[in-house]
Amino acid sequence: MFQDKTERRPLLDPMLLALKSRRVVVALATLAGGLLVLAVPELRAVQDEILTLLIALALAVIGGYSLEDAARAGRERAALPPEDMRELIKDAVAGLVDEMGRKR
């Protein structure tokens, strides 16, 4: 969709990408619901409670999406082959020796 730089629209394309995010959709739906609650005069008595519930629900859903994305990233990382432990140890020891050499 965004391969050719000459076809990119500098303002519209980032907005379209943001609208594909589930978190943004939840936030916009919560905003619309909140504005609707504020616009209905019959709800004045319970307006604060409804807004609190809307925001709490939105935060819970967004947090759930974040947890789901983190779990997916963890599963993908676990599926990768493990790095060579010897190389990691060599790098750690070399870094430690370099740091000790600089302090003197």
PDB file of N, CA and C in Angstrom:
ATOM      1  N   MET A   1       0.809  -1.188   0.000  1.00  0.00           N
ATOM      2  CA  MET A   1       0.000   0.000   0.000  1.00  0.00           C
ATOM      3  C   MET A   1       0.856   1.256   0.000  1.00  0.00           C
ATOM      4  N   PHE A   2       1.973   1.267   0.766  1.00  0.00           N
ATOM      5  CA  PHE A   2       2.796   2.462   0.893  1.00  0.00           C
ATOM      6  C   PHE A   2       4.191   2.214   0.323  1.00  0.00           C
ATOM      7  N   GLN A   3       4.294   1.482  -0.772  1.00  0.00           N
ATOM      8  CA  GLN A   3       5.597   1.134  -1.306  1.00  0.00           C
ATOM      9  C   GLN A   3       6.265   2.309  -2.007  1.00  0.00           C
ATOM     10  N   ASP A   4       5.555   2.993  -2.868  1.00  0.00           N
ATOM     11  CA  ASP A   4       6.118   4.080  -3.648  1.00  0.00           C
ATOM     12  C   ASP A   4       5.990   5.387  -2.862  1.00  0.00           C
ATOM     13  N   LYS A   5       7.129   6.059  -2.624  1.00  0.00           N
ATOM     14  CA  LYS A   5       7.115   7.275  -1.824  1.00  0.00           C
ATOM     15  C   LYS A   5       6.389   8.417  -2.514  1.00  0.00           C
ATOM     16  N   THR A   6       6.311   8.382  -3.820  1.00  0.00           N
ATOM     17  CA  THR A   6       5.630   9.472  -4.533  1.00  0.00           C
ATOM     18  C   THR A   6       4.121   9.381  -4.368  1.00  0.00           C
ATOM     19  N   GLU A   7       3.613   8.198  -4.023  1.00  0.00           N
ATOM     20  CA  GLU A   7       2.171   8.022  -3.849  1.00  0.00           C
ATOM     21  C   GLU A   7       1.731   8.233  -2.410  1.00  0.00           C
ATOM     22  N   ARG A   8       2.655   8.479  -1.496  1.00  0.00           N
ATOM     23  CA  ARG A   8       2.306   8.667  -0.085  1.00  0.00           C
ATOM     24  C   ARG A   8       1.669  10.032   0.132  1.00  0.00           C
ATOM     25  N   ARG A   9       0.710  10.046   1.007  1.00  0.00           N
ATOM     26  CA  ARG A   9       0.070  11.297   1.404  1.00  0.00           C
ATOM     27  C   ARG A   9       0.527  11.584   2.828  1.00  0.00           C
ATOM     28  N   PRO A  10       1.256  12.661   3.051  1.00  0.00           N
ATOM     29  CA  PRO A  10       1.928  12.861   4.330  1.00  0.00           C
ATOM     30  C   PRO A  10       0.999  12.971   5.537  1.00  0.00           C
ATOM     31  N   LEU A  11      -0.180  13.469   5.382  1.00  0.00           N
ATOM     32  CA  LEU A  11      -1.072  13.614   6.526  1.00  0.00           C
ATOM     33  C   LEU A  11      -2.081  12.477   6.610  1.00  0.00           C
ATOM     34  N   LEU A  12      -2.589  12.046   5.485  1.00  0.00           N
ATOM     35  CA  LEU A  12      -3.663  11.061   5.469  1.00  0.00           C
ATOM     36  C   LEU A  12      -3.182   9.637   5.781  1.00  0.00           C
ATOM     37  N   ASP A  13      -2.035   9.251   5.249  1.00  0.00           N
ATOM     38  CA  ASP A  13      -1.559   7.879   5.452  1.00  0.00           C
ATOM     39  C   ASP A  13      -1.287   7.548   6.921  1.00  0.00           C
ATOM     40  N   PRO A  14      -0.596   8.409   7.686  1.00  0.00           N
ATOM     41  CA  PRO A  14      -0.417   8.081   9.113  1.00  0.00           C
ATOM     42  C   PRO A  14      -1.743   8.010   9.871  1.00  0.00           C
ATOM     43  N   MET A  15      -2.696   8.842   9.494  1.00  0.00           N
ATOM     44  CA  MET A  15      -3.996   8.797  10.163  1.00  0.00           C
ATOM     45  C   MET A  15      -4.714   7.485   9.855  1.00  0.00           C
ATOM     46  N   LEU A  16      -4.630   7.031   8.620  1.00  0.00           N
ATOM     47  CA  LEU A  16      -5.263   5.758   8.251  1.00  0.00           C
ATOM     48  C   LEU A  16      -4.603   4.590   8.972  1.00  0.00           C
ATOM     49  N   LEU A  17      -3.287   4.646   9.103  1.00  0.00           N
ATOM     50  CA  LEU A  17      -2.596   3.587   9.841  1.00  0.00           C
ATOM     51  C   LEU A  17      -3.004   3.584  11.311  1.00  0.00           C
ATOM     52  N   ALA A  18      -3.168   4.776  11.902  1.00  0.00           N
ATOM     53  CA  ALA A  18      -3.580   4.856  13.305  1.00  0.00           C
ATOM     54  C   ALA A  18      -4.991   4.315  13.489  1.00  0.00           C
ATOM     55  N   LEU A  19      -5.869   4.548  12.531  1.00  0.00           N
ATOM     56  CA  LEU A  19      -7.247   4.078  12.644  1.00  0.00           C
ATOM     57  C   LEU A  19      -7.362   2.564  12.529  1.00  0.00           C
ATOM     58  N   LYS A  20      -6.315   1.923  12.021  1.00  0.00           N
ATOM     59  CA  LYS A  20      -6.325   0.462  11.962  1.00  0.00           C
ATOM     60  C   LYS A  20      -5.997  -0.165  13.311  1.00  0.00           C
ATOM     61  N   SER A  21      -5.520   0.643  14.245  1.00  0.00           N
ATOM     62  CA  SER A  21      -5.163   0.145  15.570  1.00  0.00           C
ATOM     63  C   SER A  21      -6.428  -0.076  16.398  1.00  0.00           C
ATOM     64  N   ARG A  22      -6.503  -1.223  17.043  1.00  0.00           N
ATOM     65  CA  ARG A  22      -7.670  -1.519  17.887  1.00  0.00           C
ATOM     66  C   ARG A  22      -7.742  -0.570  19.070  1.00  0.00           C
ATOM     67  N   ARG A  23      -6.593  -0.180  19.582  1.00  0.00           N
ATOM     68  CA  ARG A  23      -6.583   0.737  20.723  1.00  0.00           C
ATOM     69  C   ARG A  23      -7.172   2.094  20.359  1.00  0.00           C
ATOM     70  N   VAL A  24      -6.836   2.583  19.179  1.00  0.00           N
ATOM     71  CA  VAL A  24      -7.362   3.875  18.727  1.00  0.00           C
ATOM     72  C   VAL A  24      -8.866   3.789  18.508  1.00  0.00           C
ATOM     73  N   VAL A  25      -9.319   2.690  17.963  1.00  0.00           N
ATOM     74  CA  VAL A  25     -10.757   2.518  17.746  1.00  0.00           C
ATOM     75  C   VAL A  25     -11.503   2.510  19.084  1.00  0.00           C
ATOM     76  N   VAL A  26     -10.957   1.822  20.076  1.00  0.00           N
ATOM     77  CA  VAL A  26     -11.583   1.792  21.401  1.00  0.00           C
ATOM     78  C   VAL A  26     -11.598   3.188  22.006  1.00  0.00           C
ATOM     79  N   ALA A  27     -10.488   3.918  21.887  1.00  0.00           N
ATOM     80  CA  ALA A  27     -10.420   5.269  22.443  1.00  0.00           C
ATOM     81  C   ALA A  27     -11.431   6.193  21.757  1.00  0.00           C
ATOM     82  N   LEU A  28     -11.558   6.101  20.438  1.00  0.00           N
ATOM     83  CA  LEU A  28     -12.523   6.942  19.726  1.00  0.00           C
ATOM     84  C   LEU A  28     -13.961   6.572  20.080  1.00  0.00           C
ATOM     85  N   ALA A  29     -14.230   5.281  20.230  1.00  0.00           N
ATOM     86  CA  ALA A  29     -15.578   4.854  20.625  1.00  0.00           C
ATOM     87  C   ALA A  29     -15.907   5.344  22.032  1.00  0.00           C
ATOM     88  N   THR A  30     -14.929   5.315  22.925  1.00  0.00           N
ATOM     89  CA  THR A  30     -15.140   5.819  24.278  1.00  0.00           C
ATOM     90  C   THR A  30     -15.387   7.316  24.268  1.00  0.00           C
ATOM     91  N   LEU A  31     -14.631   8.022  23.450  1.00  0.00           N
ATOM     92  CA  LEU A  31     -14.838   9.470  23.328  1.00  0.00           C
ATOM     93  C   LEU A  31     -16.236   9.774  22.804  1.00  0.00           C
ATOM     94  N   ALA A  32     -16.654   9.039  21.782  1.00  0.00           N
ATOM     95  CA  ALA A  32     -18.001   9.255  21.236  1.00  0.00           C
ATOM     96  C   ALA A  32     -19.072   8.927  22.277  1.00  0.00           C
ATOM     97  N   GLY A  33     -18.891   7.835  23.005  1.00  0.00           N
ATOM     98  CA  GLY A  33     -19.847   7.477  24.050  1.00  0.00           C
ATOM     99  C   GLY A  33     -19.892   8.524  25.158  1.00  0.00           C
ATOM    100  N   GLY A  34     -18.729   9.024  25.530  1.00  0.00           N
ATOM    101  CA  GLY A  34     -18.679  10.064  26.553  1.00  0.00           C
ATOM    102  C   GLY A  34     -19.368  11.345  26.109  1.00  0.00           C
ATOM    103  N   LEU A  35     -19.142  11.739  24.867  1.00  0.00           N
ATOM    104  CA  LEU A  35     -19.814  12.937  24.347  1.00  0.00           C
ATOM    105  C   LEU A  35     -21.326  12.732  24.275  1.00  0.00           C
ATOM    106  N   LEU A  36     -21.742  11.527  23.933  1.00  0.00           N
ATOM    107  CA  LEU A  36     -23.169  11.222  23.888  1.00  0.00           C
ATOM    108  C   LEU A  36     -23.796  11.308  25.281  1.00  0.00           C
ATOM    109  N   VAL A  37     -23.082  10.790  26.272  1.00  0.00           N
ATOM    110  CA  VAL A  37     -23.586  10.859  27.652  1.00  0.00           C
ATOM    111  C   VAL A  37     -23.685  12.317  28.101  1.00  0.00           C
ATOM    112  N   LEU A  38     -22.703  13.119  27.741  1.00  0.00           N
ATOM    113  CA  LEU A  38     -22.734  14.528  28.120  1.00  0.00           C
ATOM    114  C   LEU A  38     -23.844  15.296  27.398  1.00  0.00           C
ATOM    115  N   ALA A  39     -24.219  14.835  26.217  1.00  0.00           N
ATOM    116  CA  ALA A  39     -25.222  15.545  25.420  1.00  0.00           C
ATOM    117  C   ALA A  39     -26.657  15.239  25.854  1.00  0.00           C
ATOM    118  N   VAL A  40     -26.872  14.130  26.536  1.00  0.00           N
ATOM    119  CA  VAL A  40     -28.230  13.744  26.933  1.00  0.00           C
ATOM    120  C   VAL A  40     -28.538  14.347  28.304  1.00  0.00           C
ATOM    121  N   PRO A  41     -29.468  15.304  28.369  1.00  0.00           N
ATOM    122  CA  PRO A  41     -29.745  15.968  29.652  1.00  0.00           C
ATOM    123  C   PRO A  41     -30.392  15.056  30.691  1.00  0.00           C
ATOM    124  N   GLU A  42     -31.076  14.007  30.274  1.00  0.00           N
ATOM    125  CA  GLU A  42     -31.732  13.111  31.234  1.00  0.00           C
ATOM    126  C   GLU A  42     -30.720  12.307  32.050  1.00  0.00           C
ATOM    127  N   LEU A  43     -29.494  12.238  31.603  1.00  0.00           N
ATOM    128  CA  LEU A  43     -28.471  11.443  32.293  1.00  0.00           C
ATOM    129  C   LEU A  43     -27.639  12.266  33.268  1.00  0.00           C
ATOM    130  N   ARG A  44     -28.037  13.495  33.525  1.00  0.00           N
ATOM    131  CA  ARG A  44     -27.249  14.369  34.406  1.00  0.00           C
ATOM    132  C   ARG A  44     -27.040  13.749  35.796  1.00  0.00           C
ATOM    133  N   ALA A  45     -28.019  13.049  36.305  1.00  0.00           N
ATOM    134  CA  ALA A  45     -27.933  12.489  37.658  1.00  0.00           C
ATOM    135  C   ALA A  45     -26.860  11.398  37.760  1.00  0.00           C
ATOM    136  N   VAL A  46     -26.660  10.647  36.693  1.00  0.00           N
ATOM    137  CA  VAL A  46     -25.700   9.536  36.733  1.00  0.00           C
ATOM    138  C   VAL A  46     -24.560   9.740  35.735  1.00  0.00           C
ATOM    139  N   GLN A  47     -24.383  10.946  35.297  1.00  0.00           N
ATOM    140  CA  GLN A  47     -23.389  11.257  34.280  1.00  0.00           C
ATOM    141  C   GLN A  47     -21.966  10.871  34.717  1.00  0.00           C
ATOM    142  N   ASP A  48     -21.598  11.242  35.934  1.00  0.00           N
ATOM    143  CA  ASP A  48     -20.244  10.937  36.408  1.00  0.00           C
ATOM    144  C   ASP A  48     -19.995   9.433  36.484  1.00  0.00           C
ATOM    145  N   GLU A  49     -20.968   8.689  36.959  1.00  0.00           N
ATOM    146  CA  GLU A  49     -20.803   7.246  37.088  1.00  0.00           C
ATOM    147  C   GLU A  49     -20.674   6.578  35.723  1.00  0.00           C
ATOM    148  N   ILE A  50     -21.488   7.016  34.770  1.00  0.00           N
ATOM    149  CA  ILE A  50     -21.427   6.426  33.425  1.00  0.00           C
ATOM    150  C   ILE A  50     -20.084   6.730  32.774  1.00  0.00           C
ATOM    151  N   LEU A  51     -19.603   7.968  32.910  1.00  0.00           N
ATOM    152  CA  LEU A  51     -18.309   8.323  32.335  1.00  0.00           C
ATOM    153  C   LEU A  51     -17.178   7.534  32.985  1.00  0.00           C
ATOM    154  N   THR A  52     -17.263   7.340  34.287  1.00  0.00           N
ATOM    155  CA  THR A  52     -16.251   6.545  34.987  1.00  0.00           C
ATOM    156  C   THR A  52     -16.261   5.101  34.482  1.00  0.00           C
ATOM    157  N   LEU A  53     -17.445   4.539  34.316  1.00  0.00           N
ATOM    158  CA  LEU A  53     -17.544   3.169  33.806  1.00  0.00           C
ATOM    159  C   LEU A  53     -17.037   3.060  32.371  1.00  0.00           C
ATOM    160  N   LEU A  54     -17.371   4.039  31.525  1.00  0.00           N
ATOM    161  CA  LEU A  54     -16.887   4.029  30.143  1.00  0.00           C
ATOM    162  C   LEU A  54     -15.361   4.052  30.094  1.00  0.00           C
ATOM    163  N   ILE A  55     -14.767   4.938  30.872  1.00  0.00           N
ATOM    164  CA  ILE A  55     -13.309   5.058  30.863  1.00  0.00           C
ATOM    165  C   ILE A  55     -12.661   3.805  31.429  1.00  0.00           C
ATOM    166  N   ALA A  56     -13.214   3.259  32.501  1.00  0.00           N
ATOM    167  CA  ALA A  56     -12.661   2.036  33.088  1.00  0.00           C
ATOM    168  C   ALA A  56     -12.751   0.869  32.109  1.00  0.00           C
ATOM    169  N   LEU A  57     -13.869   0.762  31.419  1.00  0.00           N
ATOM    170  CA  LEU A  57     -14.024  -0.301  30.428  1.00  0.00           C
ATOM    171  C   LEU A  57     -13.033  -0.131  29.278  1.00  0.00           C
ATOM    172  N   ALA A  58     -12.883   1.100  28.805  1.00  0.00           N
ATOM    173  CA  ALA A  58     -11.935   1.351  27.718  1.00  0.00           C
ATOM    174  C   ALA A  58     -10.514   1.013  28.145  1.00  0.00           C
ATOM    175  N   LEU A  59     -10.137   1.411  29.352  1.00  0.00           N
ATOM    176  CA  LEU A  59      -8.788   1.096  29.832  1.00  0.00           C
ATOM    177  C   LEU A  59      -8.577  -0.402  29.979  1.00  0.00           C
ATOM    178  N   ALA A  60      -9.599  -1.113  30.420  1.00  0.00           N
ATOM    179  CA  ALA A  60      -9.491  -2.567  30.553  1.00  0.00           C
ATOM    180  C   ALA A  60      -9.326  -3.233  29.181  1.00  0.00           C
ATOM    181  N   VAL A  61     -10.081  -2.771  28.208  1.00  0.00           N
ATOM    182  CA  VAL A  61      -9.989  -3.356  26.858  1.00  0.00           C
ATOM    183  C   VAL A  61      -8.626  -3.045  26.242  1.00  0.00           C
ATOM    184  N   ILE A  62      -8.174  -1.806  26.368  1.00  0.00           N
ATOM    185  CA  ILE A  62      -6.867  -1.440  25.821  1.00  0.00           C
ATOM    186  C   ILE A  62      -5.760  -2.217  26.530  1.00  0.00           C
ATOM    187  N   GLY A  63      -5.881  -2.377  27.845  1.00  0.00           N
ATOM    188  CA  GLY A  63      -4.903  -3.179  28.581  1.00  0.00           C
ATOM    189  C   GLY A  63      -4.914  -4.636  28.137  1.00  0.00           C
ATOM    190  N   GLY A  64      -6.089  -5.163  27.860  1.00  0.00           N
ATOM    191  CA  GLY A  64      -6.194  -6.535  27.357  1.00  0.00           C
ATOM    192  C   GLY A  64      -5.536  -6.692  26.002  1.00  0.00           C
ATOM    193  N   TYR A  65      -5.737  -5.705  25.136  1.00  0.00           N
ATOM    194  CA  TYR A  65      -5.076  -5.746  23.825  1.00  0.00           C
ATOM    195  C   TYR A  65      -3.561  -5.690  23.988  1.00  0.00           C
ATOM    196  N   SER A  66      -3.077  -4.874  24.903  1.00  0.00           N
ATOM    197  CA  SER A  66      -1.634  -4.778  25.138  1.00  0.00           C
ATOM    198  C   SER A  66      -1.083  -6.095  25.664  1.00  0.00           C
ATOM    199  N   LEU A  67      -1.803  -6.720  26.580  1.00  0.00           N
ATOM    200  CA  LEU A  67      -1.382  -8.010  27.112  1.00  0.00           C
ATOM    201  C   LEU A  67      -1.368  -9.077  26.013  1.00  0.00           C
ATOM    202  N   GLU A  68      -2.378  -9.058  25.179  1.00  0.00           N
ATOM    203  CA  GLU A  68      -2.442 -10.011  24.069  1.00  0.00           C
ATOM    204  C   GLU A  68      -1.270  -9.810  23.106  1.00  0.00           C
ATOM    205  N   ASP A  69      -0.955  -8.561  22.797  1.00  0.00           N
ATOM    206  CA  ASP A  69       0.172  -8.282  21.906  1.00  0.00           C
ATOM    207  C   ASP A  69       1.497  -8.696  22.529  1.00  0.00           C
ATOM    208  N   ALA A  70       1.649  -8.474  23.836  1.00  0.00           N
ATOM    209  CA  ALA A  70       2.878  -8.878  24.520  1.00  0.00           C
ATOM    210  C   ALA A  70       3.016 -10.399  24.530  1.00  0.00           C
ATOM    211  N   ALA A  71       1.925 -11.107  24.737  1.00  0.00           N
ATOM    212  CA  ALA A  71       1.970 -12.572  24.728  1.00  0.00           C
ATOM    213  C   ALA A  71       2.327 -13.088  23.340  1.00  0.00           C
ATOM    214  N   ARG A  72       1.778 -12.460  22.310  1.00  0.00           N
ATOM    215  CA  ARG A  72       2.095 -12.866  20.939  1.00  0.00           C
ATOM    216  C   ARG A  72       3.576 -12.630  20.639  1.00  0.00           C
ATOM    217  N   ALA A  73       4.106 -11.483  21.073  1.00  0.00           N
ATOM    218  CA  ALA A  73       5.520 -11.190  20.854  1.00  0.00           C
ATOM    219  C   ALA A  73       6.393 -12.188  21.614  1.00  0.00           C
ATOM    220  N   GLY A  74       5.978 -12.575  22.819  1.00  0.00           N
ATOM    221  CA  GLY A  74       6.725 -13.564  23.586  1.00  0.00           C
ATOM    222  C   GLY A  74       6.730 -14.929  22.924  1.00  0.00           C
ATOM    223  N   ARG A  75       5.583 -15.318  22.390  1.00  0.00           N
ATOM    224  CA  ARG A  75       5.520 -16.612  21.681  1.00  0.00           C
ATOM    225  C   ARG A  75       6.390 -16.593  20.433  1.00  0.00           C
ATOM    226  N   GLU A  76       6.379 -15.464  19.713  1.00  0.00           N
ATOM    227  CA  GLU A  76       7.210 -15.363  18.515  1.00  0.00           C
ATOM    228  C   GLU A  76       8.684 -15.401  18.878  1.00  0.00           C
ATOM    229  N   ARG A  77       9.049 -14.746  19.975  1.00  0.00           N
ATOM    230  CA  ARG A  77      10.448 -14.738  20.409  1.00  0.00           C
ATOM    231  C   ARG A  77      10.862 -16.128  20.869  1.00  0.00           C
ATOM    232  N   ALA A  78       9.984 -16.844  21.526  1.00  0.00           N
ATOM    233  CA  ALA A  78      10.304 -18.188  22.002  1.00  0.00           C
ATOM    234  C   ALA A  78      10.451 -19.165  20.846  1.00  0.00           C
ATOM    235  N   ALA A  79       9.814 -18.881  19.725  1.00  0.00           N
ATOM    236  CA  ALA A  79       9.896 -19.774  18.569  1.00  0.00           C
ATOM    237  C   ALA A  79      11.217 -19.618  17.825  1.00  0.00           C
ATOM    238  N   LEU A  80      11.928 -18.520  18.074  1.00  0.00           N
ATOM    239  CA  LEU A  80      13.206 -18.316  17.410  1.00  0.00           C
ATOM    240  C   LEU A  80      14.250 -19.256  17.997  1.00  0.00           C
ATOM    241  N   PRO A  81      15.237 -19.637  17.208  1.00  0.00           N
ATOM    242  CA  PRO A  81      16.287 -20.504  17.754  1.00  0.00           C
ATOM    243  C   PRO A  81      17.100 -19.744  18.797  1.00  0.00           C
ATOM    244  N   PRO A  82      17.531 -20.425  19.853  1.00  0.00           N
ATOM    245  CA  PRO A  82      18.292 -19.739  20.907  1.00  0.00           C
ATOM    246  C   PRO A  82      19.651 -19.290  20.398  1.00  0.00           C
ATOM    247  N   GLU A  83      20.114 -18.178  20.937  1.00  0.00           N
ATOM    248  CA  GLU A  83      21.425 -17.684  20.549  1.00  0.00           C
ATOM    249  C   GLU A  83      22.496 -18.556  21.178  1.00  0.00           C
ATOM    250  N   ASP A  84      23.680 -18.533  20.584  1.00  0.00           N
ATOM    251  CA  ASP A  84      24.785 -19.326  21.110  1.00  0.00           C
ATOM    252  C   ASP A  84      25.208 -18.752  22.460  1.00  0.00           C
ATOM    253  N   MET A  85      25.087 -19.541  23.502  1.00  0.00           N
ATOM    254  CA  MET A  85      25.365 -19.090  24.852  1.00  0.00           C
ATOM    255  C   MET A  85      26.833 -18.714  25.022  1.00  0.00           C
ATOM    256  N   ARG A  86      27.731 -19.416  24.346  1.00  0.00           N
ATOM    257  CA  ARG A  86      29.154 -19.107  24.470  1.00  0.00           C
ATOM    258  C   ARG A  86      29.455 -17.698  23.973  1.00  0.00           C
ATOM    259  N   GLU A  87      28.839 -17.317  22.872  1.00  0.00           N
ATOM    260  CA  GLU A  87      29.057 -15.965  22.338  1.00  0.00           C
ATOM    261  C   GLU A  87      28.537 -14.918  23.311  1.00  0.00           C
ATOM    262  N   LEU A  88      27.398 -15.174  23.915  1.00  0.00           N
ATOM    263  CA  LEU A  88      26.851 -14.239  24.887  1.00  0.00           C
ATOM    264  C   LEU A  88      27.770 -14.088  26.089  1.00  0.00           C
ATOM    265  N   ILE A  89      28.300 -15.193  26.572  1.00  0.00           N
ATOM    266  CA  ILE A  89      29.202 -15.150  27.719  1.00  0.00           C
ATOM    267  C   ILE A  89      30.487 -14.425  27.359  1.00  0.00           C
ATOM    268  N   LYS A  90      31.034 -14.702  26.170  1.00  0.00           N
ATOM    269  CA  LYS A  90      32.245 -14.012  25.724  1.00  0.00           C
ATOM    270  C   LYS A  90      32.021 -12.505  25.662  1.00  0.00           C
ATOM    271  N   ASP A  91      30.896 -12.098  25.105  1.00  0.00           N
ATOM    272  CA  ASP A  91      30.597 -10.666  25.010  1.00  0.00           C
ATOM    273  C   ASP A  91      30.463 -10.042  26.384  1.00  0.00           C
ATOM    274  N   ALA A  92      29.813 -10.738  27.309  1.00  0.00           N
ATOM    275  CA  ALA A  92      29.637 -10.210  28.663  1.00  0.00           C
ATOM    276  C   ALA A  92      30.981 -10.076  29.373  1.00  0.00           C
ATOM    277  N   VAL A  93      31.833 -11.083  29.270  1.00  0.00           N
ATOM    278  CA  VAL A  93      33.145 -11.040  29.923  1.00  0.00           C
ATOM    279  C   VAL A  93      34.010  -9.961  29.288  1.00  0.00           C
ATOM    280  N   ALA A  94      33.974  -9.846  27.961  1.00  0.00           N
ATOM    281  CA  ALA A  94      34.764  -8.814  27.289  1.00  0.00           C
ATOM    282  C   ALA A  94      34.306  -7.426  27.711  1.00  0.00           C
ATOM    283  N   GLY A  95      33.021  -7.222  27.835  1.00  0.00           N
ATOM    284  CA  GLY A  95      32.508  -5.932  28.297  1.00  0.00           C
ATOM    285  C   GLY A  95      32.931  -5.636  29.724  1.00  0.00           C
ATOM    286  N   LEU A  96      32.905  -6.649  30.574  1.00  0.00           N
ATOM    287  CA  LEU A  96      33.310  -6.484  31.965  1.00  0.00           C
ATOM    288  C   LEU A  96      34.793  -6.134  32.052  1.00  0.00           C
ATOM    289  N   VAL A  97      35.634  -6.823  31.282  1.00  0.00           N
ATOM    290  CA  VAL A  97      37.076  -6.546  31.282  1.00  0.00           C
ATOM    291  C   VAL A  97      37.334  -5.136  30.761  1.00  0.00           C
ATOM    292  N   ASP A  98      36.632  -4.728  29.722  1.00  0.00           N
ATOM    293  CA  ASP A  98      36.795  -3.370  29.189  1.00  0.00           C
ATOM    294  C   ASP A  98      36.430  -2.322  30.233  1.00  0.00           C
ATOM    295  N   GLU A  99      35.337  -2.535  30.943  1.00  0.00           N
ATOM    296  CA  GLU A  99      34.910  -1.592  31.974  1.00  0.00           C
ATOM    297  C   GLU A  99      35.922  -1.525  33.105  1.00  0.00           C
ATOM    298  N   MET A 100      36.482  -2.668  33.514  1.00  0.00           N
ATOM    299  CA  MET A 100      37.460  -2.682  34.597  1.00  0.00           C
ATOM    300  C   MET A 100      38.738  -2.000  34.149  1.00  0.00           C
ATOM    301  N   GLY A 101      39.095  -2.155  32.878  1.00  0.00           N
ATOM    302  CA  GLY A 101      40.289  -1.496  32.345  1.00  0.00           C
ATOM    303  C   GLY A 101      40.142   0.005  32.269  1.00  0.00           C
ATOM    304  N   ARG A 102      38.959   0.508  32.017  1.00  0.00           N
ATOM    305  CA  ARG A 102      38.726   1.956  31.923  1.00  0.00           C
ATOM    306  C   ARG A 102      38.758   2.629  33.284  1.00  0.00           C
ATOM    307  N   LYS A 103      38.372   1.911  34.333  1.00  0.00           N
ATOM    308  CA  LYS A 103      38.302   2.498  35.670  1.00  0.00           C
ATOM    309  C   LYS A 103      39.689   2.768  36.242  1.00  0.00           C
ATOM    310  N   ARG A 104      40.700   2.098  35.773  1.00  0.00           N
ATOM    311  CA  ARG A 104      42.049   2.273  36.331  1.00  0.00           C
ATOM    312  C   ARG A 104      42.738   3.375  35.677  1.00  0.00           C
TER     313      ARG A 104
END
